[in-house]
Every structure is written in C-alpha cells, then in structure tokens.
Amino acid sequence: MADAAPSALDRIERALTRIEAAASRRAFDAERLEHKHAALRGKVEEAIAALDSLIEQEGED
C-alpha cells in the first residue's frame, strides 16, 4: 500500500516551483516598470526642452 501523503521532498519541490514562478513574475514586472519609466522620462525631457525653448523665445522679445 502506497502512502498518499506527499513527502517532505515533494513539498519542498512544489514550494520551490511556486517561488520560481513568483520570482519570474516579479522580474517581468520590474522590467516592464523600467520600460515605462524610460518612456516617461523621455516625455518629461521633451516637455522640459519645449518649455525651455518657449522661455528662451519670450526672453528674446
């Protein structure tokens, strides 16, 4: 008769699988956040450059 209860090794392996999946999702989320940050930074830099240009033009008048 086989024991139906999972062994400690089975429980550890399942826990490791869950940890690896969570780490993978977290890495994906971090990478996605980095891309969003870079895109936002570019937009902010463009907006500041446009404002600088407008301020400079007003100073010339």
PDB file of N, CA and C in Angstrom:
ATOM      1  N   MET A   1       0.843  -1.181   0.000  1.00  0.00           N
ATOM      2  CA  MET A   1       0.000   0.000   0.000  1.00  0.00           C
ATOM      3  C   MET A   1       0.893   1.251   0.000  1.00  0.00           C
ATOM      4  N   ALA A   2       0.632   2.161  -0.951  1.00  0.00           N
ATOM      5  CA  ALA A   2       1.441   3.370  -1.069  1.00  0.00           C
ATOM      6  C   ALA A   2       0.884   4.463  -0.177  1.00  0.00           C
ATOM      7  N   ASP A   3       1.762   5.238   0.380  1.00  0.00           N
ATOM      8  CA  ASP A   3       1.367   6.368   1.227  1.00  0.00           C
ATOM      9  C   ASP A   3       0.950   7.532   0.329  1.00  0.00           C
ATOM     10  N   ALA A   4      -0.262   8.063   0.506  1.00  0.00           N
ATOM     11  CA  ALA A   4      -0.787   9.132  -0.335  1.00  0.00           C
ATOM     12  C   ALA A   4      -0.266  10.507   0.086  1.00  0.00           C
ATOM     13  N   ALA A   5       0.249  10.620   1.275  1.00  0.00           N
ATOM     14  CA  ALA A   5       0.741  11.911   1.761  1.00  0.00           C
ATOM     15  C   ALA A   5       2.033  12.264   1.035  1.00  0.00           C
ATOM     16  N   PRO A   6       2.153  13.539   0.597  1.00  0.00           N
ATOM     17  CA  PRO A   6       3.380  13.949  -0.101  1.00  0.00           C
ATOM     18  C   PRO A   6       4.567  13.962   0.865  1.00  0.00           C
ATOM     19  N   SER A   7       5.699  13.572   0.354  1.00  0.00           N
ATOM     20  CA  SER A   7       6.900  13.561   1.180  1.00  0.00           C
ATOM     21  C   SER A   7       7.393  14.997   1.370  1.00  0.00           C
ATOM     22  N   ALA A   8       8.294  15.134   2.297  1.00  0.00           N
ATOM     23  CA  ALA A   8       8.875  16.454   2.548  1.00  0.00           C
ATOM     24  C   ALA A   8       9.563  16.967   1.288  1.00  0.00           C
ATOM     25  N   LEU A   9      10.226  16.080   0.575  1.00  0.00           N
ATOM     26  CA  LEU A   9      10.904  16.480  -0.661  1.00  0.00           C
ATOM     27  C   LEU A   9       9.895  16.973  -1.707  1.00  0.00           C
ATOM     28  N   ASP A  10       8.755  16.293  -1.807  1.00  0.00           N
ATOM     29  CA  ASP A  10       7.711  16.736  -2.743  1.00  0.00           C
ATOM     30  C   ASP A  10       7.204  18.131  -2.371  1.00  0.00           C
ATOM     31  N   ARG A  11       6.990  18.353  -1.087  1.00  0.00           N
ATOM     32  CA  ARG A  11       6.509  19.671  -0.634  1.00  0.00           C
ATOM     33  C   ARG A  11       7.543  20.751  -0.916  1.00  0.00           C
ATOM     34  N   ILE A  12       8.805  20.431  -0.689  1.00  0.00           N
ATOM     35  CA  ILE A  12       9.885  21.394  -0.956  1.00  0.00           C
ATOM     36  C   ILE A  12       9.948  21.709  -2.449  1.00  0.00           C
ATOM     37  N   GLU A  13       9.843  20.696  -3.292  1.00  0.00           N
ATOM     38  CA  GLU A  13       9.886  20.917  -4.740  1.00  0.00           C
ATOM     39  C   GLU A  13       8.715  21.770  -5.211  1.00  0.00           C
ATOM     40  N   ARG A  14       7.513  21.516  -4.662  1.00  0.00           N
ATOM     41  CA  ARG A  14       6.360  22.345  -5.041  1.00  0.00           C
ATOM     42  C   ARG A  14       6.544  23.779  -4.568  1.00  0.00           C
ATOM     43  N   ALA A  15       7.075  23.949  -3.371  1.00  0.00           N
ATOM     44  CA  ALA A  15       7.326  25.301  -2.855  1.00  0.00           C
ATOM     45  C   ALA A  15       8.356  26.014  -3.721  1.00  0.00           C
ATOM     46  N   LEU A  16       9.392  25.303  -4.123  1.00  0.00           N
ATOM     47  CA  LEU A  16      10.420  25.892  -4.980  1.00  0.00           C
ATOM     48  C   LEU A  16       9.825  26.309  -6.323  1.00  0.00           C
ATOM     49  N   THR A  17       8.943  25.496  -6.870  1.00  0.00           N
ATOM     50  CA  THR A  17       8.274  25.843  -8.130  1.00  0.00           C
ATOM     51  C   THR A  17       7.465  27.125  -7.968  1.00  0.00           C
ATOM     52  N   ARG A  18       6.738  27.244  -6.853  1.00  0.00           N
ATOM     53  CA  ARG A  18       5.951  28.466  -6.613  1.00  0.00           C
ATOM     54  C   ARG A  18       6.861  29.682  -6.447  1.00  0.00           C
ATOM     55  N   ILE A  19       7.970  29.511  -5.749  1.00  0.00           N
ATOM     56  CA  ILE A  19       8.920  30.612  -5.546  1.00  0.00           C
ATOM     57  C   ILE A  19       9.519  31.054  -6.872  1.00  0.00           C
ATOM     58  N   GLU A  20       9.909  30.085  -7.696  1.00  0.00           N
ATOM     59  CA  GLU A  20      10.485  30.419  -9.002  1.00  0.00           C
ATOM     60  C   GLU A  20       9.474  31.149  -9.881  1.00  0.00           C
ATOM     61  N   ALA A  21       8.215  30.721  -9.855  1.00  0.00           N
ATOM     62  CA  ALA A  21       7.176  31.384 -10.652  1.00  0.00           C
ATOM     63  C   ALA A  21       6.974  32.818 -10.167  1.00  0.00           C
ATOM     64  N   ALA A  22       6.945  32.999  -8.848  1.00  0.00           N
ATOM     65  CA  ALA A  22       6.769  34.344  -8.295  1.00  0.00           C
ATOM     66  C   ALA A  22       7.953  35.235  -8.652  1.00  0.00           C
ATOM     67  N   ALA A  23       9.160  34.693  -8.587  1.00  0.00           N
ATOM     68  CA  ALA A  23      10.353  35.469  -8.925  1.00  0.00           C
ATOM     69  C   ALA A  23      10.343  35.860 -10.395  1.00  0.00           C
ATOM     70  N   SER A  24       9.886  34.958 -11.235  1.00  0.00           N
ATOM     71  CA  SER A  24       9.815  35.242 -12.668  1.00  0.00           C
ATOM     72  C   SER A  24       8.819  36.369 -12.939  1.00  0.00           C
ATOM     73  N   ARG A  25       7.659  36.296 -12.305  1.00  0.00           N
ATOM     74  CA  ARG A  25       6.652  37.364 -12.473  1.00  0.00           C
ATOM     75  C   ARG A  25       7.199  38.695 -11.980  1.00  0.00           C
ATOM     76  N   ARG A  26       7.892  38.653 -10.863  1.00  0.00           N
ATOM     77  CA  ARG A  26       8.439  39.886 -10.290  1.00  0.00           C
ATOM     78  C   ARG A  26       9.494  40.491 -11.209  1.00  0.00           C
ATOM     79  N   ALA A  27      10.339  39.647 -11.790  1.00  0.00           N
ATOM     80  CA  ALA A  27      11.357  40.134 -12.720  1.00  0.00           C
ATOM     81  C   ALA A  27      10.698  40.755 -13.940  1.00  0.00           C
ATOM     82  N   PHE A  28       9.634  40.116 -14.442  1.00  0.00           N
ATOM     83  CA  PHE A  28       8.907  40.665 -15.593  1.00  0.00           C
ATOM     84  C   PHE A  28       8.297  42.013 -15.232  1.00  0.00           C
ATOM     85  N   ASP A  29       7.682  42.101 -14.050  1.00  0.00           N
ATOM     86  CA  ASP A  29       7.083  43.364 -13.609  1.00  0.00           C
ATOM     87  C   ASP A  29       8.138  44.458 -13.483  1.00  0.00           C
ATOM     88  N   ALA A  30       9.307  44.113 -12.959  1.00  0.00           N
ATOM     89  CA  ALA A  30      10.378  45.099 -12.803  1.00  0.00           C
ATOM     90  C   ALA A  30      10.859  45.584 -14.162  1.00  0.00           C
ATOM     91  N   GLU A  31      10.998  44.661 -15.108  1.00  0.00           N
ATOM     92  CA  GLU A  31      11.434  45.047 -16.455  1.00  0.00           C
ATOM     93  C   GLU A  31      10.395  45.944 -17.125  1.00  0.00           C
ATOM     94  N   ARG A  32       9.138  45.590 -16.963  1.00  0.00           N
ATOM     95  CA  ARG A  32       8.065  46.406 -17.548  1.00  0.00           C
ATOM     96  C   ARG A  32       8.062  47.803 -16.927  1.00  0.00           C
ATOM     97  N   LEU A  33       8.272  47.881 -15.629  1.00  0.00           N
ATOM     98  CA  LEU A  33       8.323  49.172 -14.946  1.00  0.00           C
ATOM     99  C   LEU A  33       9.504  50.004 -15.438  1.00  0.00           C
ATOM    100  N   GLU A  34      10.637  49.365 -15.679  1.00  0.00           N
ATOM    101  CA  GLU A  34      11.805  50.080 -16.202  1.00  0.00           C
ATOM    102  C   GLU A  34      11.506  50.686 -17.571  1.00  0.00           C
ATOM    103  N   HIS A  35      10.804  49.936 -18.420  1.00  0.00           N
ATOM    104  CA  HIS A  35      10.448  50.452 -19.749  1.00  0.00           C
ATOM    105  C   HIS A  35       9.481  51.634 -19.642  1.00  0.00           C
ATOM    106  N   LYS A  36       8.500  51.510 -18.756  1.00  0.00           N
ATOM    107  CA  LYS A  36       7.556  52.614 -18.551  1.00  0.00           C
ATOM    108  C   LYS A  36       8.284  53.850 -18.028  1.00  0.00           C
ATOM    109  N   HIS A  37       9.209  53.636 -17.101  1.00  0.00           N
ATOM    110  CA  HIS A  37       9.969  54.747 -16.528  1.00  0.00           C
ATOM    111  C   HIS A  37      10.788  55.443 -17.605  1.00  0.00           C
ATOM    112  N   ALA A  38      11.430  54.660 -18.459  1.00  0.00           N
ATOM    113  CA  ALA A  38      12.247  55.233 -19.533  1.00  0.00           C
ATOM    114  C   ALA A  38      11.379  56.037 -20.494  1.00  0.00           C
ATOM    115  N   ALA A  39      10.205  55.525 -20.831  1.00  0.00           N
ATOM    116  CA  ALA A  39       9.302  56.236 -21.737  1.00  0.00           C
ATOM    117  C   ALA A  39       8.825  57.538 -21.094  1.00  0.00           C
ATOM    118  N   LEU A  40       8.459  57.476 -19.831  1.00  0.00           N
ATOM    119  CA  LEU A  40       8.003  58.677 -19.120  1.00  0.00           C
ATOM    120  C   LEU A  40       9.128  59.693 -19.011  1.00  0.00           C
ATOM    121  N   ARG A  41      10.320  59.214 -18.722  1.00  0.00           N
ATOM    122  CA  ARG A  41      11.474  60.118 -18.619  1.00  0.00           C
ATOM    123  C   ARG A  41      11.697  60.848 -19.942  1.00  0.00           C
ATOM    124  N   GLY A  42      11.588  60.116 -21.059  1.00  0.00           N
ATOM    125  CA  GLY A  42      11.748  60.741 -22.375  1.00  0.00           C
ATOM    126  C   GLY A  42      10.712  61.817 -22.620  1.00  0.00           C
ATOM    127  N   LYS A  43       9.469  61.535 -22.249  1.00  0.00           N
ATOM    128  CA  LYS A  43       8.399  62.527 -22.434  1.00  0.00           C
ATOM    129  C   LYS A  43       8.633  63.767 -21.576  1.00  0.00           C
ATOM    130  N   VAL A  44       9.069  63.553 -20.350  1.00  0.00           N
ATOM    131  CA  VAL A  44       9.334  64.686 -19.456  1.00  0.00           C
ATOM    132  C   VAL A  44      10.494  65.516 -19.993  1.00  0.00           C
ATOM    133  N   GLU A  45      11.532  64.856 -20.482  1.00  0.00           N
ATOM    134  CA  GLU A  45      12.667  65.586 -21.050  1.00  0.00           C
ATOM    135  C   GLU A  45      12.227  66.409 -22.256  1.00  0.00           C
ATOM    136  N   GLU A  46      11.373  65.853 -23.096  1.00  0.00           N
ATOM    137  CA  GLU A  46      10.863  66.599 -24.256  1.00  0.00           C
ATOM    138  C   GLU A  46      10.039  67.800 -23.805  1.00  0.00           C
ATOM    139  N   ALA A  47       9.198  67.617 -22.804  1.00  0.00           N
ATOM    140  CA  ALA A  47       8.363  68.713 -22.306  1.00  0.00           C
ATOM    141  C   ALA A  47       9.227  69.826 -21.713  1.00  0.00           C
ATOM    142  N   ILE A  48      10.245  69.454 -20.977  1.00  0.00           N
ATOM    143  CA  ILE A  48      11.132  70.467 -20.385  1.00  0.00           C
ATOM    144  C   ILE A  48      11.886  71.218 -21.474  1.00  0.00           C
ATOM    145  N   ALA A  49      12.334  70.498 -22.491  1.00  0.00           N
ATOM    146  CA  ALA A  49      13.033  71.153 -23.598  1.00  0.00           C
ATOM    147  C   ALA A  49      12.095  72.126 -24.313  1.00  0.00           C
ATOM    148  N   ALA A  50      10.840  71.740 -24.502  1.00  0.00           N
ATOM    149  CA  ALA A  50       9.870  72.632 -25.149  1.00  0.00           C
ATOM    150  C   ALA A  50       9.632  73.865 -24.290  1.00  0.00           C
ATOM    151  N   LEU A  51       9.518  73.672 -22.985  1.00  0.00           N
ATOM    152  CA  LEU A  51       9.334  74.825 -22.084  1.00  0.00           C
ATOM    153  C   LEU A  51      10.556  75.739 -22.103  1.00  0.00           C
ATOM    154  N   ASP A  52      11.738  75.146 -22.089  1.00  0.00           N
ATOM    155  CA  ASP A  52      12.968  75.940 -22.166  1.00  0.00           C
ATOM    156  C   ASP A  52      12.986  76.774 -23.441  1.00  0.00           C
ATOM    157  N   SER A  53      12.572  76.172 -24.532  1.00  0.00           N
ATOM    158  CA  SER A  53      12.541  76.878 -25.813  1.00  0.00           C
ATOM    159  C   SER A  53      11.567  78.046 -25.769  1.00  0.00           C
ATOM    160  N   LEU A  54      10.384  77.807 -25.214  1.00  0.00           N
ATOM    161  CA  LEU A  54       9.393  78.884 -25.100  1.00  0.00           C
ATOM    162  C   LEU A  54       9.899  80.015 -24.209  1.00  0.00           C
ATOM    163  N   ILE A  55      10.509  79.665 -23.105  1.00  0.00           N
ATOM    164  CA  ILE A  55      11.043  80.684 -22.193  1.00  0.00           C
ATOM    165  C   ILE A  55      12.135  81.489 -22.889  1.00  0.00           C
ATOM    166  N   GLU A  56      12.976  80.814 -23.632  1.00  0.00           N
ATOM    167  CA  GLU A  56      14.045  81.492 -24.361  1.00  0.00           C
ATOM    168  C   GLU A  56      13.475  82.442 -25.411  1.00  0.00           C
ATOM    169  N   GLN A  57      12.445  82.006 -26.125  1.00  0.00           N
ATOM    170  CA  GLN A  57      11.803  82.862 -27.135  1.00  0.00           C
ATOM    171  C   GLN A  57      11.177  84.087 -26.490  1.00  0.00           C
ATOM    172  N   GLU A  58      10.561  83.928 -25.356  1.00  0.00           N
ATOM    173  CA  GLU A  58       9.936  85.064 -24.660  1.00  0.00           C
ATOM    174  C   GLU A  58      10.991  86.041 -24.195  1.00  0.00           C
ATOM    175  N   GLY A  59      12.141  85.532 -23.812  1.00  0.00           N
ATOM    176  CA  GLY A  59      13.223  86.401 -23.374  1.00  0.00           C
ATOM    177  C   GLY A  59      13.813  87.219 -24.490  1.00  0.00           C
ATOM    178  N   GLU A  60      13.680  86.744 -25.740  1.00  0.00           N
ATOM    179  CA  GLU A  60      14.233  87.455 -26.886  1.00  0.00           C
ATOM    180  C   GLU A  60      13.362  88.621 -27.321  1.00  0.00           C
ATOM    181  N   ASP A  61      12.084  88.604 -26.930  1.00  0.00           N
ATOM    182  CA  ASP A  61      11.162  89.681 -27.366  1.00  0.00           C
ATOM    183  C   ASP A  61      11.336  90.950 -26.615  1.00  0.00           C
TER     184      ASP A  61
END
